[in-house]
Amino acid sequence: MFIFALFTLVLSQNESLIILSPQQLANNSELQQIPFNIAEFSYVPYGQSITGVLEVANPYSVCSPKFNRSVDRSGEQSNVKILLLQRGGCTMTKKTIEAQLLGYQIVLMIMRKLRKQILHY
């Protein structure tokens, strides 16, 4: 499942992720400002907007080394690959390493309370 997502990381005292597109998610009042924390596994582009292809992990927990391996990403327009997955089931380090090995530059881990709003889009 691919979703073209445009979001902005707003770094201030109260950090939040703001979804700008698609409109159906951007207009959802429960998703207006999503709290987040940055895990600095690599370079963090503070103060910048990031646009990329957001893919929902399958299986959603990403604890199996065989997730999303059949997806062909060769024809994609964006250079930034973003993986959306659920927190829990195994360590965040394991999830991040698996995603990095498959070419993702950004991993978004969702808390359970936001899962329904985003995945039922």
PDB file of N, CA and C in Angstrom:
ATOM      1  N   MET A   1       0.851  -1.174   0.000  1.00  0.00           N
ATOM      2  CA  MET A   1       0.000   0.000   0.000  1.00  0.00           C
ATOM      3  C   MET A   1       0.893   1.232   0.000  1.00  0.00           C
ATOM      4  N   PHE A   2       0.710   2.104  -0.953  1.00  0.00           N
ATOM      5  CA  PHE A   2       1.489   3.330  -1.032  1.00  0.00           C
ATOM      6  C   PHE A   2       0.585   4.534  -0.835  1.00  0.00           C
ATOM      7  N   ILE A   3       1.059   5.489  -0.086  1.00  0.00           N
ATOM      8  CA  ILE A   3       0.369   6.754   0.127  1.00  0.00           C
ATOM      9  C   ILE A   3       1.407   7.835  -0.118  1.00  0.00           C
ATOM     10  N   PHE A   4       1.097   8.794  -0.978  1.00  0.00           N
ATOM     11  CA  PHE A   4       2.014   9.922  -1.114  1.00  0.00           C
ATOM     12  C   PHE A   4       1.691  10.868   0.016  1.00  0.00           C
ATOM     13  N   ALA A   5       2.638  11.114   0.876  1.00  0.00           N
ATOM     14  CA  ALA A   5       2.386  11.937   2.057  1.00  0.00           C
ATOM     15  C   ALA A   5       3.330  13.124   2.076  1.00  0.00           C
ATOM     16  N   LEU A   6       2.793  14.242   2.455  1.00  0.00           N
ATOM     17  CA  LEU A   6       3.599  15.437   2.678  1.00  0.00           C
ATOM     18  C   LEU A   6       3.369  15.820   4.122  1.00  0.00           C
ATOM     19  N   PHE A   7       4.427  15.864   4.887  1.00  0.00           N
ATOM     20  CA  PHE A   7       4.273  16.215   6.283  1.00  0.00           C
ATOM     21  C   PHE A   7       5.417  17.110   6.703  1.00  0.00           C
ATOM     22  N   THR A   8       5.205  17.805   7.781  1.00  0.00           N
ATOM     23  CA  THR A   8       6.218  18.713   8.292  1.00  0.00           C
ATOM     24  C   THR A   8       6.560  18.331   9.719  1.00  0.00           C
ATOM     25  N   LEU A   9       7.830  18.250  10.006  1.00  0.00           N
ATOM     26  CA  LEU A   9       8.283  18.050  11.371  1.00  0.00           C
ATOM     27  C   LEU A   9       8.493  19.431  11.967  1.00  0.00           C
ATOM     28  N   VAL A  10       7.764  19.730  13.016  1.00  0.00           N
ATOM     29  CA  VAL A  10       7.869  21.030  13.663  1.00  0.00           C
ATOM     30  C   VAL A  10       8.638  20.828  14.961  1.00  0.00           C
ATOM     31  N   LEU A  11       9.848  21.343  15.013  1.00  0.00           N
ATOM     32  CA  LEU A  11      10.684  21.146  16.186  1.00  0.00           C
ATOM     33  C   LEU A  11      10.653  22.386  17.057  1.00  0.00           C
ATOM     34  N   SER A  12      10.043  22.235  18.196  1.00  0.00           N
ATOM     35  CA  SER A  12       9.959  23.321  19.173  1.00  0.00           C
ATOM     36  C   SER A  12       9.831  22.670  20.538  1.00  0.00           C
ATOM     37  N   GLN A  13       9.363  23.424  21.507  1.00  0.00           N
ATOM     38  CA  GLN A  13       9.207  22.868  22.845  1.00  0.00           C
ATOM     39  C   GLN A  13       8.205  21.715  22.844  1.00  0.00           C
ATOM     40  N   ASN A  14       7.117  21.866  22.120  1.00  0.00           N
ATOM     41  CA  ASN A  14       6.120  20.803  21.981  1.00  0.00           C
ATOM     42  C   ASN A  14       6.214  20.252  20.567  1.00  0.00           C
ATOM     43  N   GLU A  15       7.037  19.224  20.361  1.00  0.00           N
ATOM     44  CA  GLU A  15       7.249  18.676  19.037  1.00  0.00           C
ATOM     45  C   GLU A  15       5.991  18.001  18.517  1.00  0.00           C
ATOM     46  N   SER A  16       5.715  18.144  17.213  1.00  0.00           N
ATOM     47  CA  SER A  16       4.568  17.483  16.606  1.00  0.00           C
ATOM     48  C   SER A  16       4.810  17.263  15.128  1.00  0.00           C
ATOM     49  N   LEU A  17       4.133  16.261  14.590  1.00  0.00           N
ATOM     50  CA  LEU A  17       4.161  15.959  13.178  1.00  0.00           C
ATOM     51  C   LEU A  17       2.852  16.473  12.602  1.00  0.00           C
ATOM     52  N   ILE A  18       2.919  17.213  11.515  1.00  0.00           N
ATOM     53  CA  ILE A  18       1.725  17.778  10.905  1.00  0.00           C
ATOM     54  C   ILE A  18       1.557  17.172   9.523  1.00  0.00           C
ATOM     55  N   ILE A  19       0.420  16.534   9.269  1.00  0.00           N
ATOM     56  CA  ILE A  19       0.130  15.954   7.962  1.00  0.00           C
ATOM     57  C   ILE A  19      -0.481  17.036   7.088  1.00  0.00           C
ATOM     58  N   LEU A  20       0.098  17.274   5.924  1.00  0.00           N
ATOM     59  CA  LEU A  20      -0.403  18.282   4.995  1.00  0.00           C
ATOM     60  C   LEU A  20      -1.195  17.669   3.848  1.00  0.00           C
ATOM     61  N   SER A  21      -0.935  16.425   3.522  1.00  0.00           N
ATOM     62  CA  SER A  21      -1.592  15.757   2.413  1.00  0.00           C
ATOM     63  C   SER A  21      -1.496  14.260   2.650  1.00  0.00           C
ATOM     64  N   PRO A  22      -2.462  13.452   2.264  1.00  0.00           N
ATOM     65  CA  PRO A  22      -3.708  13.734   1.568  1.00  0.00           C
ATOM     66  C   PRO A  22      -4.713  14.468   2.462  1.00  0.00           C
ATOM     67  N   GLN A  23      -5.630  15.192   1.850  1.00  0.00           N
ATOM     68  CA  GLN A  23      -6.585  16.040   2.572  1.00  0.00           C
ATOM     69  C   GLN A  23      -7.417  15.279   3.589  1.00  0.00           C
ATOM     70  N   GLN A  24      -7.799  14.047   3.266  1.00  0.00           N
ATOM     71  CA  GLN A  24      -8.637  13.273   4.185  1.00  0.00           C
ATOM     72  C   GLN A  24      -7.941  13.062   5.530  1.00  0.00           C
ATOM     73  N   LEU A  25      -6.643  12.838   5.515  1.00  0.00           N
ATOM     74  CA  LEU A  25      -5.893  12.714   6.767  1.00  0.00           C
ATOM     75  C   LEU A  25      -5.588  14.084   7.354  1.00  0.00           C
ATOM     76  N   ALA A  26      -5.251  15.045   6.501  1.00  0.00           N
ATOM     77  CA  ALA A  26      -4.907  16.388   6.975  1.00  0.00           C
ATOM     78  C   ALA A  26      -6.085  17.062   7.673  1.00  0.00           C
ATOM     79  N   ASN A  27      -7.309  16.766   7.250  1.00  0.00           N
ATOM     80  CA  ASN A  27      -8.501  17.383   7.837  1.00  0.00           C
ATOM     81  C   ASN A  27      -9.032  16.650   9.063  1.00  0.00           C
ATOM     82  N   ASN A  28      -8.473  15.500   9.398  1.00  0.00           N
ATOM     83  CA  ASN A  28      -8.918  14.732  10.559  1.00  0.00           C
ATOM     84  C   ASN A  28      -8.474  15.459  11.831  1.00  0.00           C
ATOM     85  N   SER A  29      -9.440  15.893  12.636  1.00  0.00           N
ATOM     86  CA  SER A  29      -9.129  16.691  13.830  1.00  0.00           C
ATOM     87  C   SER A  29      -8.241  15.944  14.825  1.00  0.00           C
ATOM     88  N   GLU A  30      -8.342  14.616  14.875  1.00  0.00           N
ATOM     89  CA  GLU A  30      -7.521  13.837  15.804  1.00  0.00           C
ATOM     90  C   GLU A  30      -6.066  13.738  15.337  1.00  0.00           C
ATOM     91  N   LEU A  31      -5.807  14.094  14.086  1.00  0.00           N
ATOM     92  CA  LEU A  31      -4.455  13.998  13.537  1.00  0.00           C
ATOM     93  C   LEU A  31      -3.849  15.360  13.231  1.00  0.00           C
ATOM     94  N   GLN A  32      -4.407  16.435  13.773  1.00  0.00           N
ATOM     95  CA  GLN A  32      -3.931  17.782  13.468  1.00  0.00           C
ATOM     96  C   GLN A  32      -2.478  17.987  13.873  1.00  0.00           C
ATOM     97  N   GLN A  33      -2.113  17.559  15.055  1.00  0.00           N
ATOM     98  CA  GLN A  33      -0.722  17.622  15.493  1.00  0.00           C
ATOM     99  C   GLN A  33      -0.420  16.350  16.264  1.00  0.00           C
ATOM    100  N   ILE A  34       0.433  15.540  15.701  1.00  0.00           N
ATOM    101  CA  ILE A  34       0.770  14.245  16.278  1.00  0.00           C
ATOM    102  C   ILE A  34       2.085  14.393  17.037  1.00  0.00           C
ATOM    103  N   PRO A  35       2.081  14.129  18.357  1.00  0.00           N
ATOM    104  CA  PRO A  35       3.329  14.223  19.119  1.00  0.00           C
ATOM    105  C   PRO A  35       4.338  13.173  18.634  1.00  0.00           C
ATOM    106  N   PHE A  36       5.609  13.510  18.646  1.00  0.00           N
ATOM    107  CA  PHE A  36       6.626  12.549  18.237  1.00  0.00           C
ATOM    108  C   PHE A  36       7.925  12.809  18.979  1.00  0.00           C
ATOM    109  N   ASN A  37       8.787  11.814  18.933  1.00  0.00           N
ATOM    110  CA  ASN A  37      10.149  11.928  19.448  1.00  0.00           C
ATOM    111  C   ASN A  37      11.087  11.514  18.333  1.00  0.00           C
ATOM    112  N   ILE A  38      12.235  12.124  18.267  1.00  0.00           N
ATOM    113  CA  ILE A  38      13.217  11.781  17.247  1.00  0.00           C
ATOM    114  C   ILE A  38      14.271  10.879  17.864  1.00  0.00           C
ATOM    115  N   ALA A  39      14.471   9.713  17.235  1.00  0.00           N
ATOM    116  CA  ALA A  39      15.566   8.825  17.608  1.00  0.00           C
ATOM    117  C   ALA A  39      16.670   9.092  16.599  1.00  0.00           C
ATOM    118  N   GLU A  40      17.778   9.568  17.041  1.00  0.00           N
ATOM    119  CA  GLU A  40      18.834  10.003  16.135  1.00  0.00           C
ATOM    120  C   GLU A  40      19.753   8.849  15.755  1.00  0.00           C
ATOM    121  N   PHE A  41      19.272   8.006  14.820  1.00  0.00           N
ATOM    122  CA  PHE A  41      20.098   6.931  14.297  1.00  0.00           C
ATOM    123  C   PHE A  41      21.042   7.450  13.223  1.00  0.00           C
ATOM    124  N   SER A  42      20.718   8.602  12.651  1.00  0.00           N
ATOM    125  CA  SER A  42      21.562   9.200  11.611  1.00  0.00           C
ATOM    126  C   SER A  42      21.300  10.699  11.571  1.00  0.00           C
ATOM    127  N   TYR A  43      21.602  11.338  10.457  1.00  0.00           N
ATOM    128  CA  TYR A  43      21.410  12.774  10.295  1.00  0.00           C
ATOM    129  C   TYR A  43      19.935  13.146  10.438  1.00  0.00           C
ATOM    130  N   VAL A  44      19.643  14.158  11.226  1.00  0.00           N
ATOM    131  CA  VAL A  44      18.283  14.662  11.402  1.00  0.00           C
ATOM    132  C   VAL A  44      18.213  16.050  10.769  1.00  0.00           C
ATOM    133  N   PRO A  45      17.371  16.237   9.731  1.00  0.00           N
ATOM    134  CA  PRO A  45      17.292  17.532   9.038  1.00  0.00           C
ATOM    135  C   PRO A  45      16.405  18.529   9.779  1.00  0.00           C
ATOM    136  N   TYR A  46      16.887  19.052  10.874  1.00  0.00           N
ATOM    137  CA  TYR A  46      16.096  19.981  11.684  1.00  0.00           C
ATOM    138  C   TYR A  46      15.655  21.191  10.870  1.00  0.00           C
ATOM    139  N   GLY A  47      14.416  21.618  11.098  1.00  0.00           N
ATOM    140  CA  GLY A  47      13.888  22.825  10.472  1.00  0.00           C
ATOM    141  C   GLY A  47      13.545  22.693   9.005  1.00  0.00           C
ATOM    142  N   GLN A  48      13.449  21.483   8.483  1.00  0.00           N
ATOM    143  CA  GLN A  48      13.137  21.278   7.074  1.00  0.00           C
ATOM    144  C   GLN A  48      11.839  20.502   6.912  1.00  0.00           C
ATOM    145  N   SER A  49      11.224  20.627   5.746  1.00  0.00           N
ATOM    146  CA  SER A  49      10.073  19.801   5.379  1.00  0.00           C
ATOM    147  C   SER A  49      10.588  18.600   4.606  1.00  0.00           C
ATOM    148  N   ILE A  50       9.909  17.484   4.734  1.00  0.00           N
ATOM    149  CA  ILE A  50      10.313  16.269   4.040  1.00  0.00           C
ATOM    150  C   ILE A  50       9.116  15.766   3.244  1.00  0.00           C
ATOM    151  N   THR A  51       9.326  15.456   1.976  1.00  0.00           N
ATOM    152  CA  THR A  51       8.282  14.884   1.136  1.00  0.00           C
ATOM    153  C   THR A  51       8.765  13.526   0.668  1.00  0.00           C
ATOM    154  N   GLY A  52       7.887  12.522   0.719  1.00  0.00           N
ATOM    155  CA  GLY A  52       8.301  11.214   0.272  1.00  0.00           C
ATOM    156  C   GLY A  52       7.145  10.262   0.135  1.00  0.00           C
ATOM    157  N   VAL A  53       7.465   9.041  -0.279  1.00  0.00           N
ATOM    158  CA  VAL A  53       6.477   7.987  -0.420  1.00  0.00           C
ATOM    159  C   VAL A  53       6.386   7.254   0.904  1.00  0.00           C
ATOM    160  N   LEU A  54       5.181   7.228   1.455  1.00  0.00           N
ATOM    161  CA  LEU A  54       4.932   6.563   2.730  1.00  0.00           C
ATOM    162  C   LEU A  54       4.329   5.201   2.447  1.00  0.00           C
ATOM    163  N   GLU A  55       4.954   4.160   2.963  1.00  0.00           N
ATOM    164  CA  GLU A  55       4.451   2.802   2.778  1.00  0.00           C
ATOM    165  C   GLU A  55       4.102   2.208   4.134  1.00  0.00           C
ATOM    166  N   VAL A  56       2.940   1.576   4.216  1.00  0.00           N
ATOM    167  CA  VAL A  56       2.533   0.894   5.442  1.00  0.00           C
ATOM    168  C   VAL A  56       3.195  -0.479   5.439  1.00  0.00           C
ATOM    169  N   ALA A  57       3.915  -0.795   6.499  1.00  0.00           N
ATOM    170  CA  ALA A  57       4.629  -2.064   6.590  1.00  0.00           C
ATOM    171  C   ALA A  57       3.659  -3.239   6.611  1.00  0.00           C
ATOM    172  N   ASN A  58       4.083  -4.337   6.013  1.00  0.00           N
ATOM    173  CA  ASN A  58       3.290  -5.562   6.013  1.00  0.00           C
ATOM    174  C   ASN A  58       4.244  -6.724   6.256  1.00  0.00           C
ATOM    175  N   PRO A  59       4.200  -7.388   7.403  1.00  0.00           N
ATOM    176  CA  PRO A  59       3.284  -7.156   8.521  1.00  0.00           C
ATOM    177  C   PRO A  59       3.611  -5.849   9.244  1.00  0.00           C
ATOM    178  N   TYR A  60       2.596  -5.329   9.879  1.00  0.00           N
ATOM    179  CA  TYR A  60       2.646  -4.001  10.472  1.00  0.00           C
ATOM    180  C   TYR A  60       3.660  -3.865  11.603  1.00  0.00           C
ATOM    181  N   SER A  61       4.008  -4.959  12.270  1.00  0.00           N
ATOM    182  CA  SER A  61       4.948  -4.892  13.399  1.00  0.00           C
ATOM    183  C   SER A  61       6.411  -4.840  12.951  1.00  0.00           C
ATOM    184  N   VAL A  62       6.737  -5.306  11.755  1.00  0.00           N
ATOM    185  CA  VAL A  62       8.089  -5.319  11.191  1.00  0.00           C
ATOM    186  C   VAL A  62       9.077  -6.091  12.061  1.00  0.00           C
ATOM    187  N   CYS A  63       8.625  -7.108  12.746  1.00  0.00           N
ATOM    188  CA  CYS A  63       9.542  -7.911  13.555  1.00  0.00           C
ATOM    189  C   CYS A  63      10.044  -9.130  12.786  1.00  0.00           C
ATOM    190  N   SER A  64       9.487  -9.378  11.617  1.00  0.00           N
ATOM    191  CA  SER A  64       9.922 -10.474  10.769  1.00  0.00           C
ATOM    192  C   SER A  64      10.914  -9.940   9.744  1.00  0.00           C
ATOM    193  N   PRO A  65      11.988 -10.678   9.479  1.00  0.00           N
ATOM    194  CA  PRO A  65      12.957 -10.194   8.497  1.00  0.00           C
ATOM    195  C   PRO A  65      12.452 -10.274   7.057  1.00  0.00           C
ATOM    196  N   LYS A  66      11.236 -10.768   6.843  1.00  0.00           N
ATOM    197  CA  LYS A  66      10.727 -10.941   5.480  1.00  0.00           C
ATOM    198  C   LYS A  66       9.629  -9.951   5.126  1.00  0.00           C
ATOM    199  N   PHE A  67       9.516  -8.842   5.825  1.00  0.00           N
ATOM    200  CA  PHE A  67       8.438  -7.907   5.516  1.00  0.00           C
ATOM    201  C   PHE A  67       8.758  -7.105   4.263  1.00  0.00           C
ATOM    202  N   ASN A  68       7.732  -6.800   3.476  1.00  0.00           N
ATOM    203  CA  ASN A  68       7.799  -5.891   2.319  1.00  0.00           C
ATOM    204  C   ASN A  68       8.897  -6.219   1.299  1.00  0.00           C
ATOM    205  N   ARG A  69       9.372  -7.418   1.237  1.00  0.00           N
ATOM    206  CA  ARG A  69      10.474  -7.716   0.321  1.00  0.00           C
ATOM    207  C   ARG A  69      10.025  -7.850  -1.136  1.00  0.00           C
ATOM    208  N   SER A  70       8.748  -8.032  -1.395  1.00  0.00           N
ATOM    209  CA  SER A  70       8.286  -8.221  -2.769  1.00  0.00           C
ATOM    210  C   SER A  70       7.894  -6.912  -3.453  1.00  0.00           C
ATOM    211  N   VAL A  71       7.991  -5.793  -2.775  1.00  0.00           N
ATOM    212  CA  VAL A  71       7.576  -4.511  -3.339  1.00  0.00           C
ATOM    213  C   VAL A  71       8.673  -3.963  -4.249  1.00  0.00           C
ATOM    214  N   ASP A  72       8.300  -3.626  -5.487  1.00  0.00           N
ATOM    215  CA  ASP A  72       9.250  -3.046  -6.436  1.00  0.00           C
ATOM    216  C   ASP A  72       9.219  -1.531  -6.306  1.00  0.00           C
ATOM    217  N   ARG A  73      10.311  -0.940  -5.870  1.00  0.00           N
ATOM    218  CA  ARG A  73      10.370   0.507  -5.676  1.00  0.00           C
ATOM    219  C   ARG A  73      11.159   1.208  -6.783  1.00  0.00           C
ATOM    220  N   SER A  74      11.524   0.503  -7.843  1.00  0.00           N
ATOM    221  CA  SER A  74      12.408   1.072  -8.860  1.00  0.00           C
ATOM    222  C   SER A  74      11.788   2.219  -9.649  1.00  0.00           C
ATOM    223  N   GLY A  75      10.464   2.263  -9.803  1.00  0.00           N
ATOM    224  CA  GLY A  75       9.836   3.310 -10.597  1.00  0.00           C
ATOM    225  C   GLY A  75       9.317   4.486  -9.804  1.00  0.00           C
ATOM    226  N   GLU A  76       9.638   4.574  -8.541  1.00  0.00           N
ATOM    227  CA  GLU A  76       9.108   5.648  -7.700  1.00  0.00           C
ATOM    228  C   GLU A  76       9.738   6.990  -8.025  1.00  0.00           C
ATOM    229  N   GLN A  77       8.945   8.044  -7.872  1.00  0.00           N
ATOM    230  CA  GLN A  77       9.389   9.402  -8.162  1.00  0.00           C
ATOM    231  C   GLN A  77      10.248   9.988  -7.040  1.00  0.00           C
ATOM    232  N   SER A  78       9.938   9.647  -5.816  1.00  0.00           N
ATOM    233  CA  SER A  78      10.603  10.261  -4.668  1.00  0.00           C
ATOM    234  C   SER A  78      11.884   9.525  -4.307  1.00  0.00           C
ATOM    235  N   ASN A  79      12.871  10.266  -3.857  1.00  0.00           N
ATOM    236  CA  ASN A  79      14.099   9.660  -3.352  1.00  0.00           C
ATOM    237  C   ASN A  79      13.980   9.279  -1.892  1.00  0.00           C
ATOM    238  N   VAL A  80      12.973   9.807  -1.195  1.00  0.00           N
ATOM    239  CA  VAL A  80      12.806   9.554   0.235  1.00  0.00           C
ATOM    240  C   VAL A  80      11.772   8.450   0.427  1.00  0.00           C
ATOM    241  N   LYS A  81      12.191   7.369   1.057  1.00  0.00           N
ATOM    242  CA  LYS A  81      11.302   6.247   1.339  1.00  0.00           C
ATOM    243  C   LYS A  81      10.991   6.256   2.831  1.00  0.00           C
ATOM    244  N   ILE A  82       9.696   6.252   3.153  1.00  0.00           N
ATOM    245  CA  ILE A  82       9.247   6.345   4.537  1.00  0.00           C
ATOM    246  C   ILE A  82       8.436   5.099   4.862  1.00  0.00           C
ATOM    247  N   LEU A  83       8.733   4.447   5.977  1.00  0.00           N
ATOM    248  CA  LEU A  83       8.010   3.250   6.384  1.00  0.00           C
ATOM    249  C   LEU A  83       7.187   3.537   7.627  1.00  0.00           C
ATOM    250  N   LEU A  84       5.896   3.254   7.550  1.00  0.00           N
ATOM    251  CA  LEU A  84       4.972   3.422   8.668  1.00  0.00           C
ATOM    252  C   LEU A  84       4.771   2.064   9.313  1.00  0.00           C
ATOM    253  N   LEU A  85       5.016   1.967  10.608  1.00  0.00           N
ATOM    254  CA  LEU A  85       4.885   0.692  11.301  1.00  0.00           C
ATOM    255  C   LEU A  85       4.401   0.896  12.725  1.00  0.00           C
ATOM    256  N   GLN A  86       4.054  -0.207  13.366  1.00  0.00           N
ATOM    257  CA  GLN A  86       3.553  -0.160  14.736  1.00  0.00           C
ATOM    258  C   GLN A  86       4.683  -0.399  15.724  1.00  0.00           C
ATOM    259  N   ARG A  87       4.644   0.339  16.798  1.00  0.00           N
ATOM    260  CA  ARG A  87       5.617   0.164  17.872  1.00  0.00           C
ATOM    261  C   ARG A  87       5.292  -1.113  18.639  1.00  0.00           C
ATOM    262  N   GLY A  88       6.312  -1.801  19.118  1.00  0.00           N
ATOM    263  CA  GLY A  88       6.120  -3.005  19.925  1.00  0.00           C
ATOM    264  C   GLY A  88       6.417  -4.277  19.145  1.00  0.00           C
ATOM    265  N   GLY A  89       6.498  -5.387  19.860  1.00  0.00           N
ATOM    266  CA  GLY A  89       6.734  -6.686  19.248  1.00  0.00           C
ATOM    267  C   GLY A  89       8.200  -7.082  19.200  1.00  0.00           C
ATOM    268  N   CYS A  90       9.071  -6.115  18.998  1.00  0.00           N
ATOM    269  CA  CYS A  90      10.521  -6.310  19.029  1.00  0.00           C
ATOM    270  C   CYS A  90      11.140  -4.932  19.261  1.00  0.00           C
ATOM    271  N   THR A  91      12.438  -4.863  19.323  1.00  0.00           N
ATOM    272  CA  THR A  91      13.079  -3.587  19.657  1.00  0.00           C
ATOM    273  C   THR A  91      12.974  -2.582  18.505  1.00  0.00           C
ATOM    274  N   MET A  92      13.006  -1.311  18.868  1.00  0.00           N
ATOM    275  CA  MET A  92      12.990  -0.254  17.853  1.00  0.00           C
ATOM    276  C   MET A  92      14.245  -0.326  16.992  1.00  0.00           C
ATOM    277  N   THR A  93      15.350  -0.735  17.586  1.00  0.00           N
ATOM    278  CA  THR A  93      16.598  -0.879  16.837  1.00  0.00           C
ATOM    279  C   THR A  93      16.451  -1.929  15.748  1.00  0.00           C
ATOM    280  N   LYS A  94      15.854  -3.079  16.075  1.00  0.00           N
ATOM    281  CA  LYS A  94      15.638  -4.140  15.081  1.00  0.00           C
ATOM    282  C   LYS A  94      14.764  -3.635  13.941  1.00  0.00           C
ATOM    283  N   LYS A  95      13.675  -2.946  14.269  1.00  0.00           N
ATOM    284  CA  LYS A  95      12.774  -2.404  13.245  1.00  0.00           C
ATOM    285  C   LYS A  95      13.516  -1.426  12.337  1.00  0.00           C
ATOM    286  N   THR A  96      14.300  -0.553  12.931  1.00  0.00           N
ATOM    287  CA  THR A  96      15.025   0.463  12.175  1.00  0.00           C
ATOM    288  C   THR A  96      16.071  -0.163  11.257  1.00  0.00           C
ATOM    289  N   ILE A  97      16.795  -1.143  11.748  1.00  0.00           N
ATOM    290  CA  ILE A  97      17.815  -1.808  10.933  1.00  0.00           C
ATOM    291  C   ILE A  97      17.170  -2.539   9.760  1.00  0.00           C
ATOM    292  N   GLU A  98      16.068  -3.260  10.000  1.00  0.00           N
ATOM    293  CA  GLU A  98      15.370  -3.962   8.916  1.00  0.00           C
ATOM    294  C   GLU A  98      14.913  -2.981   7.843  1.00  0.00           C
ATOM    295  N   ALA A  99      14.351  -1.850   8.275  1.00  0.00           N
ATOM    296  CA  ALA A  99      13.881  -0.838   7.323  1.00  0.00           C
ATOM    297  C   ALA A  99      15.050  -0.252   6.533  1.00  0.00           C
ATOM    298  N   GLN A 100      16.142   0.030   7.210  1.00  0.00           N
ATOM    299  CA  GLN A 100      17.313   0.608   6.549  1.00  0.00           C
ATOM    300  C   GLN A 100      17.888  -0.357   5.517  1.00  0.00           C
ATOM    301  N   LEU A 101      17.926  -1.644   5.836  1.00  0.00           N
ATOM    302  CA  LEU A 101      18.443  -2.638   4.897  1.00  0.00           C
ATOM    303  C   LEU A 101      17.613  -2.701   3.617  1.00  0.00           C
ATOM    304  N   LEU A 102      16.346  -2.320   3.701  1.00  0.00           N
ATOM    305  CA  LEU A 102      15.470  -2.323   2.529  1.00  0.00           C
ATOM    306  C   LEU A 102      15.391  -0.964   1.842  1.00  0.00           C
ATOM    307  N   GLY A 103      16.218  -0.013   2.277  1.00  0.00           N
ATOM    308  CA  GLY A 103      16.305   1.256   1.575  1.00  0.00           C
ATOM    309  C   GLY A 103      15.443   2.386   2.096  1.00  0.00           C
ATOM    310  N   TYR A 104      14.821   2.209   3.253  1.00  0.00           N
ATOM    311  CA  TYR A 104      14.014   3.294   3.823  1.00  0.00           C
ATOM    312  C   TYR A 104      14.923   4.280   4.541  1.00  0.00           C
ATOM    313  N   GLN A 105      14.628   5.581   4.387  1.00  0.00           N
ATOM    314  CA  GLN A 105      15.400   6.609   5.077  1.00  0.00           C
ATOM    315  C   GLN A 105      14.709   7.085   6.347  1.00  0.00           C
ATOM    316  N   ILE A 106      13.388   6.936   6.413  1.00  0.00           N
ATOM    317  CA  ILE A 106      12.631   7.404   7.576  1.00  0.00           C
ATOM    318  C   ILE A 106      11.705   6.291   8.044  1.00  0.00           C
ATOM    319  N   VAL A 107      11.636   6.094   9.349  1.00  0.00           N
ATOM    320  CA  VAL A 107      10.708   5.144   9.948  1.00  0.00           C
ATOM    321  C   VAL A 107       9.783   5.922  10.874  1.00  0.00           C
ATOM    322  N   LEU A 108       8.479   5.778  10.666  1.00  0.00           N
ATOM    323  CA  LEU A 108       7.486   6.372  11.561  1.00  0.00           C
ATOM    324  C   LEU A 108       6.848   5.243  12.350  1.00  0.00           C
ATOM    325  N   MET A 109       7.018   5.259  13.666  1.00  0.00           N
ATOM    326  CA  MET A 109       6.410   4.245  14.525  1.00  0.00           C
ATOM    327  C   MET A 109       5.175   4.842  15.175  1.00  0.00           C
ATOM    328  N   ILE A 110       4.048   4.171  14.991  1.00  0.00           N
ATOM    329  CA  ILE A 110       2.774   4.682  15.484  1.00  0.00           C
ATOM    330  C   ILE A 110       2.410   4.018  16.800  1.00  0.00           C
ATOM    331  N   MET A 111       1.941   4.843  17.722  1.00  0.00           N
ATOM    332  CA  MET A 111       1.411   4.333  18.976  1.00  0.00           C
ATOM    333  C   MET A 111       0.044   3.720  18.678  1.00  0.00           C
ATOM    334  N   ARG A 112      -0.376   2.772  19.454  1.00  0.00           N
ATOM    335  CA  ARG A 112      -1.644   2.072  19.210  1.00  0.00           C
ATOM    336  C   ARG A 112      -2.848   2.997  19.141  1.00  0.00           C
ATOM    337  N   LYS A 113      -2.866   4.075  19.925  1.00  0.00           N
ATOM    338  CA  LYS A 113      -4.049   4.935  19.962  1.00  0.00           C
ATOM    339  C   LYS A 113      -4.291   5.676  18.650  1.00  0.00           C
ATOM    340  N   LEU A 114      -3.274   5.844  17.803  1.00  0.00           N
ATOM    341  CA  LEU A 114      -3.444   6.515  16.513  1.00  0.00           C
ATOM    342  C   LEU A 114      -3.628   5.539  15.357  1.00  0.00           C
ATOM    343  N   ARG A 115      -3.484   4.261  15.615  1.00  0.00           N
ATOM    344  CA  ARG A 115      -3.503   3.259  14.550  1.00  0.00           C
ATOM    345  C   ARG A 115      -4.793   3.290  13.738  1.00  0.00           C
ATOM    346  N   LYS A 116      -5.947   3.309  14.398  1.00  0.00           N
ATOM    347  CA  LYS A 116      -7.225   3.261  13.681  1.00  0.00           C
ATOM    348  C   LYS A 116      -7.422   4.466  12.781  1.00  0.00           C
ATOM    349  N   GLN A 117      -7.110   5.664  13.270  1.00  0.00           N
ATOM    350  CA  GLN A 117      -7.328   6.869  12.479  1.00  0.00           C
ATOM    351  C   GLN A 117      -6.500   6.865  11.197  1.00  0.00           C
ATOM    352  N   ILE A 118      -5.278   6.392  11.268  1.00  0.00           N
ATOM    353  CA  ILE A 118      -4.395   6.452  10.106  1.00  0.00           C
ATOM    354  C   ILE A 118      -4.607   5.266   9.171  1.00  0.00           C
ATOM    355  N   LEU A 119      -4.727   4.065   9.700  1.00  0.00           N
ATOM    356  CA  LEU A 119      -4.817   2.887   8.845  1.00  0.00           C
ATOM    357  C   LEU A 119      -6.182   2.705   8.203  1.00  0.00           C
ATOM    358  N   HIS A 120      -7.205   3.349   8.698  1.00  0.00           N
ATOM    359  CA  HIS A 120      -8.532   3.222   8.086  1.00  0.00           C
ATOM    360  C   HIS A 120      -8.827   4.377   7.155  1.00  0.00           C
ATOM    361  N   TYR A 121      -7.798   5.036   6.693  1.00  0.00           N
ATOM    362  CA  TYR A 121      -7.920   6.164   5.774  1.00  0.00           C
ATOM    363  C   TYR A 121      -8.477   5.692   4.456  1.00  0.00           C
TER     364      TYR A 121
END
